[in-house]
């Protein structure tokens, strides 16, 4: 059975989403946010060892793409993942990579 043809505008939007997710630092940030929920920029700096300016730049790009939501709490800006497909996609890909790695290390006696 043949699948449906995806409209060009959705293909372009998906390509933009994948472009944003293609940066390893952004995947690390998503990993921390998925594991911990809402986190401040400072907490993410401490968790990743990246510079604050670099973290802020990546968080802003993901927030602009509506993957993250940010809110101010006093002097802190807190971020959380709001697009569940981002988390699901990362888990799917990482799970497949883990399965492939597990299979390649299995020895046949």
Protein backbone atom coordinates (compact mmCIF):
# COMPACT_ATOMS: atom_id res chain seq x y z
CA UNK A 1 0.00 0.00 0.00
CA UNK A 2 1.36 3.41 -0.95
CA UNK A 3 1.71 6.20 1.59
CA UNK A 4 0.40 9.72 1.38
CA UNK A 5 2.42 12.45 -0.24
CA UNK A 6 3.52 15.03 2.33
CA UNK A 7 2.86 18.65 1.25
CA UNK A 8 5.95 20.69 0.38
CA UNK A 9 5.31 23.23 3.17
CA UNK A 10 5.43 20.43 5.76
CA UNK A 11 8.59 18.99 4.25
CA UNK A 12 10.24 22.39 4.54
CA UNK A 13 9.06 22.75 8.15
CA UNK A 14 10.38 19.26 8.96
CA UNK A 15 13.73 20.10 7.34
CA UNK A 16 13.97 23.21 9.53
CA UNK A 17 13.15 21.14 12.62
CA UNK A 18 15.86 18.60 11.73
CA UNK A 19 18.31 21.46 11.08
CA UNK A 20 17.73 22.76 14.59
CA UNK A 21 18.14 19.27 16.04
CA UNK A 22 21.34 18.65 14.07
CA UNK A 23 23.46 20.59 16.58
CA UNK A 24 24.87 18.24 19.28
CA UNK A 25 24.79 20.94 21.99
CA UNK A 26 21.05 21.36 21.43
CA UNK A 27 20.54 17.62 21.81
CA UNK A 28 22.49 17.69 25.07
CA UNK A 29 20.29 20.54 26.31
CA UNK A 30 17.14 18.64 25.33
CA UNK A 31 18.48 15.57 27.09
CA UNK A 32 18.92 17.52 30.34
CA UNK A 33 15.55 19.22 30.03
CA UNK A 34 13.81 15.91 29.34
CA UNK A 35 15.47 14.30 32.35
CA UNK A 36 14.98 17.20 34.76
CA UNK A 37 11.96 19.13 33.52
CA UNK A 38 12.28 22.87 33.86
CA UNK A 39 15.84 24.20 34.25
CA UNK A 40 17.47 27.60 34.43
CA UNK A 41 20.18 28.75 32.08
CA UNK A 42 22.68 28.58 34.96
CA UNK A 43 21.68 24.99 35.78
CA UNK A 44 22.19 24.05 32.13
CA UNK A 45 25.58 25.79 32.09
CA UNK A 46 26.64 23.79 35.15
CA UNK A 47 25.24 20.53 33.76
CA UNK A 48 26.89 20.85 30.34
CA UNK A 49 30.09 22.80 30.98
CA UNK A 50 29.23 25.11 28.08
CA UNK A 51 29.53 28.89 28.24
CA UNK A 52 26.42 30.82 29.24
CA UNK A 53 26.34 32.76 25.98
CA UNK A 54 26.44 29.52 23.97
CA UNK A 55 23.67 27.93 26.03
CA UNK A 56 21.49 31.04 25.77
CA UNK A 57 21.94 31.16 21.99
CA UNK A 58 20.87 27.53 21.53
CA UNK A 59 17.95 27.83 23.94
CA UNK A 60 16.72 30.94 22.13
CA UNK A 61 16.80 29.13 18.78
CA UNK A 62 14.80 26.20 20.16
CA UNK A 63 12.34 28.53 21.88
CA UNK A 64 11.88 30.46 18.62
CA UNK A 65 11.13 27.14 16.89
CA UNK A 66 8.47 26.48 19.57
CA UNK A 67 10.28 23.43 20.94
CA UNK A 68 10.85 25.08 24.31
CA UNK A 69 8.98 27.48 26.51
CA UNK A 70 10.75 30.03 28.66
CA UNK A 71 9.54 31.92 31.67
CA UNK A 72 11.13 34.39 34.02
CA UNK A 73 11.31 33.57 37.72
CA UNK A 74 12.90 36.55 39.44
CA UNK A 75 16.39 36.89 38.01
CA UNK A 76 16.34 33.45 36.39
CA UNK A 77 15.00 32.37 33.03
CA UNK A 78 13.65 28.83 33.11
CA UNK A 79 13.19 26.57 30.09
CA UNK A 80 11.14 23.43 29.51
CA UNK A 81 10.32 21.26 26.52
CA UNK A 82 6.83 21.92 25.16
CA UNK A 83 6.95 19.91 21.93
CA UNK A 84 6.58 16.22 22.86
CA UNK A 85 7.55 15.15 19.35
CA UNK A 86 11.07 16.49 19.92
CA UNK A 87 11.59 14.24 22.93
CA UNK A 88 9.97 11.28 21.19
CA UNK A 89 12.13 11.73 18.08
CA UNK A 90 15.35 11.93 20.12
CA UNK A 91 14.40 8.84 22.13
CA UNK A 92 13.47 6.95 18.98
CA UNK A 93 16.74 7.71 17.21
CA UNK A 94 18.89 7.11 20.30
CA UNK A 95 17.06 3.84 21.00
CA UNK A 96 17.69 2.65 17.47
CA UNK A 97 21.37 3.59 17.70
CA UNK A 98 21.65 1.72 21.02
CA UNK A 99 20.00 -1.36 19.53
CA UNK A 100 22.36 -1.30 16.56
CA UNK A 101 25.35 -0.92 18.90
CA UNK A 102 24.12 -3.80 21.07
CA UNK A 103 23.72 -6.04 18.02
CA UNK A 104 27.18 -5.22 16.73
CA UNK A 105 28.76 -6.23 20.06
CA UNK A 106 26.89 -9.54 20.31
CA UNK A 107 29.23 -12.43 19.68
CA UNK A 108 28.13 -15.70 18.17
CA UNK A 109 29.83 -18.70 19.79
